[in-house]
Amino acid sequence: MLQFEKEKRESASETLFDNRKEFDSFYRREAPKLLQFLKRKIWIEEERADLVQEAFARLIAARGAAAQDNPGSYIQGILRHLLADRSSSWAKSKAMPWDDLSLAAEPEQPDAALELAQMQGLYRAAIDALPPKTREVFMLHRAEDMPQRDIAKKLGISVRTVEWHVAHAVHRIGKALSGHE
């Protein structure tokens, strides 16, 4: 099975590149650029390498004309999407869903109960202070758990605009919460 996967990868890379040598040359030229780009965004070297490897794997699997016409730009786009997905997953894991706010365990200390109530109020106020479109996109993504592609289709905007609204909301909410610690 491993041999089949290797042959499959090699044949895919040969359709995108004329030969293995051309692909190796492309990899040696582009991988350092991609790693340098990620260096400013991801501190852990192994995670940077994993993202670059995933980007090349997706490039090899790509069958579109865009990948064949300009593989350098195409792989940069893949990497940006992988980075956005990673950021979105991280932000989603850190978000506090509305349902969990009311179901939070009762704190043992009275001060903790007051602090929790204040934090919940700040979170709600931060969401309410978002611009209407940003709030709508954020709530669809976080509260409704709607995928970004579905939000874009529903609201008639691009996926990139949805990503921007979600990132903008997370940034503004984080800023609002960190200003009141």
Protein backbone atom coordinates (compact mmCIF):
# COMPACT_ATOMS: atom_id res chain seq x y z
CA MET A 1 0.00 0.00 0.00
CA LEU A 2 2.86 2.35 0.80
CA GLN A 3 4.35 1.72 -2.65
CA PHE A 4 0.97 2.57 -4.25
CA GLU A 5 0.81 5.86 -2.34
CA LYS A 6 4.39 6.68 -3.41
CA GLU A 7 3.58 5.93 -7.07
CA LYS A 8 0.39 7.97 -6.81
CA ARG A 9 2.32 10.94 -5.39
CA GLU A 10 5.02 10.60 -8.03
CA SER A 11 2.53 10.45 -10.89
CA ALA A 12 0.67 13.46 -9.50
CA SER A 13 3.89 15.43 -9.19
CA GLU A 14 4.86 14.43 -12.72
CA THR A 15 1.57 15.80 -14.07
CA LEU A 16 2.22 19.11 -12.35
CA PHE A 17 5.96 19.07 -13.04
CA ASP A 18 7.67 17.51 -16.04
CA ASN A 19 9.86 15.30 -13.88
CA ARG A 20 10.98 14.56 -10.36
CA LYS A 21 14.05 16.77 -10.73
CA GLU A 22 11.89 19.77 -11.62
CA PHE A 23 9.71 19.17 -8.57
CA ASP A 24 12.77 18.81 -6.31
CA SER A 25 14.14 22.07 -7.66
CA PHE A 26 10.78 23.78 -7.09
CA TYR A 27 10.67 22.42 -3.53
CA ARG A 28 14.20 23.60 -2.72
CA ARG A 29 13.39 27.05 -4.08
CA GLU A 30 9.93 27.55 -2.51
CA ALA A 31 10.10 25.71 0.84
CA PRO A 32 12.55 28.19 2.44
CA LYS A 33 10.40 31.13 1.31
CA LEU A 34 7.30 29.54 2.81
CA LEU A 35 9.11 28.73 6.06
CA GLN A 36 10.36 32.32 6.27
CA PHE A 37 6.82 33.61 5.73
CA LEU A 38 5.54 31.38 8.55
CA LYS A 39 8.39 32.34 10.89
CA ARG A 40 6.65 35.63 11.68
CA LYS A 41 3.35 33.88 12.35
CA ILE A 42 4.22 30.57 14.04
CA TRP A 43 6.93 30.26 16.64
CA ILE A 44 7.26 26.48 16.74
CA GLU A 45 9.57 25.28 13.97
CA GLU A 46 8.00 21.81 13.71
CA GLU A 47 4.55 23.34 13.14
CA ARG A 48 5.95 25.54 10.38
CA ALA A 49 7.52 22.52 8.71
CA ASP A 50 4.27 20.56 9.03
CA LEU A 51 2.27 23.34 7.35
CA VAL A 52 4.77 23.62 4.50
CA GLN A 53 4.71 19.85 4.01
CA GLU A 54 0.89 19.89 3.98
CA ALA A 55 0.92 22.74 1.43
CA PHE A 56 3.20 20.74 -0.90
CA ALA A 57 1.04 17.64 -0.47
CA ARG A 58 -2.03 19.65 -1.47
CA LEU A 59 -0.18 21.18 -4.41
CA ILE A 60 0.74 17.74 -5.70
CA ALA A 61 -2.87 16.60 -5.31
CA ALA A 62 -4.19 19.69 -7.12
CA ARG A 63 -5.53 19.04 -10.58
CA GLY A 64 -6.56 22.57 -11.58
CA ALA A 65 -5.09 24.72 -14.29
CA ALA A 66 -4.12 27.39 -11.75
CA ALA A 67 -1.76 24.96 -10.02
CA GLN A 68 -0.10 24.09 -13.32
CA ASP A 69 0.07 27.64 -14.65
CA ASN A 70 1.67 29.18 -11.57
CA PRO A 71 2.58 26.65 -8.87
CA GLY A 72 4.51 29.22 -6.81
CA SER A 73 1.48 31.46 -6.33
CA TYR A 74 -0.80 28.48 -5.94
CA ILE A 75 1.23 26.99 -3.08
CA GLN A 76 1.36 30.39 -1.36
CA GLY A 77 -2.44 30.49 -1.54
CA ILE A 78 -2.66 26.98 -0.12
CA LEU A 79 -0.38 28.00 2.74
CA ARG A 80 -2.44 31.12 3.49
CA HIS A 81 -5.59 29.00 3.62
CA LEU A 82 -3.92 26.46 5.90
CA LEU A 83 -2.80 29.29 8.17
CA ALA A 84 -6.30 30.80 8.22
CA ASP A 85 -7.80 27.38 9.04
CA ARG A 86 -5.28 26.93 11.84
CA SER A 87 -6.03 30.39 13.24
CA SER A 88 -9.75 29.81 12.99
CA SER A 89 -9.47 26.47 14.80
CA TRP A 90 -7.39 28.05 17.54
CA ALA A 91 -9.77 30.98 17.96
CA LYS A 92 -12.75 28.64 17.99
CA SER A 93 -11.16 26.59 20.75
CA LYS A 94 -10.67 29.78 22.80
CA ALA A 95 -14.15 31.23 22.19
CA MET A 96 -16.71 31.14 24.96
CA PRO A 97 -20.06 29.96 23.51
CA TRP A 98 -23.22 31.64 24.80
CA ASP A 99 -24.62 28.33 26.07
CA ASP A 100 -21.57 27.73 28.25
CA LEU A 101 -21.90 31.14 29.87
CA SER A 102 -25.12 30.20 31.61
CA LEU A 103 -23.99 26.65 32.44
CA ALA A 104 -20.71 27.60 34.07
CA ALA A 105 -20.02 25.78 37.31
CA GLU A 106 -20.74 27.73 40.44
CA PRO A 107 -17.50 29.22 41.71
CA GLU A 108 -16.41 28.29 45.18
CA GLN A 109 -15.53 31.81 46.25
CA PRO A 110 -17.90 34.80 46.19
CA ASP A 111 -15.24 36.93 44.48
CA ALA A 112 -14.96 34.37 41.71
CA ALA A 113 -18.72 34.48 41.13
CA LEU A 114 -18.61 38.25 40.81
CA GLU A 115 -15.59 38.09 38.49
CA LEU A 116 -17.32 35.47 36.30
CA ALA A 117 -20.47 37.58 36.08
CA GLN A 118 -18.41 40.64 35.14
CA MET A 119 -16.50 38.69 32.48
CA GLN A 120 -19.76 37.39 31.02
CA GLY A 121 -21.09 40.93 30.90
CA LEU A 122 -17.92 42.20 29.23
CA TYR A 123 -18.08 39.39 26.66
CA ARG A 124 -21.70 40.15 25.82
CA ALA A 125 -20.97 43.89 25.68
CA ALA A 126 -17.98 43.29 23.39
CA ILE A 127 -20.14 41.27 21.02
CA ASP A 128 -22.91 43.87 21.12
CA ALA A 129 -20.35 46.60 20.32
CA LEU A 130 -19.25 44.89 17.10
CA PRO A 131 -20.37 46.43 13.81
CA PRO A 132 -23.64 44.79 12.69
CA LYS A 133 -22.20 42.76 9.78
CA THR A 134 -19.20 41.62 11.85
CA ARG A 135 -21.49 40.61 14.73
CA GLU A 136 -23.78 38.69 12.35
CA VAL A 137 -20.88 36.81 10.76
CA PHE A 138 -19.29 36.10 14.16
CA MET A 139 -22.53 34.79 15.66
CA LEU A 140 -23.26 32.58 12.65
CA HIS A 141 -19.75 31.18 12.83
CA ARG A 142 -19.43 30.78 16.60
CA ALA A 143 -22.94 30.40 18.00
CA GLU A 144 -24.49 28.59 15.02
CA ASP A 145 -21.24 26.76 14.20
CA MET A 146 -21.85 27.50 10.51
CA PRO A 147 -18.91 26.91 8.17
CA GLN A 148 -17.40 30.03 6.62
CA ARG A 149 -18.29 28.93 3.10
CA ASP A 150 -21.98 28.62 4.10
CA ILE A 151 -21.92 32.03 5.78
CA ALA A 152 -20.46 33.57 2.62
CA LYS A 153 -23.18 32.01 0.50
CA LYS A 154 -25.96 33.02 2.91
CA LEU A 155 -24.81 36.65 3.18
CA GLY A 156 -23.67 37.03 -0.43
CA ILE A 157 -20.05 37.85 0.47
CA SER A 158 -16.74 36.15 -0.23
CA VAL A 159 -15.18 33.56 2.08
CA ARG A 160 -12.23 35.92 2.49
CA THR A 161 -14.61 38.63 3.76
CA VAL A 162 -16.12 36.14 6.21
CA GLU A 163 -12.60 35.30 7.44
CA TRP A 164 -11.88 39.01 7.87
CA HIS A 165 -15.09 39.61 9.88
CA VAL A 166 -14.38 36.62 12.16
CA ALA A 167 -10.77 37.69 12.74
CA HIS A 168 -11.87 41.30 13.31
CA ALA A 169 -14.50 40.16 15.85
CA VAL A 170 -12.04 37.92 17.72
CA HIS A 171 -9.50 40.75 17.82
CA ARG A 172 -12.00 43.33 19.10
CA ILE A 173 -13.51 40.96 21.68
CA GLY A 174 -10.04 39.95 22.91
CA LYS A 175 -9.04 43.60 23.14
CA ALA A 176 -12.21 44.44 25.08
CA LEU A 177 -11.68 41.57 27.51
CA SER A 178 -7.97 42.16 28.03
CA GLY A 179 -8.56 45.83 28.77
CA HIS A 180 -10.66 44.91 31.81
CA GLU A 181 -8.51 42.32 33.59
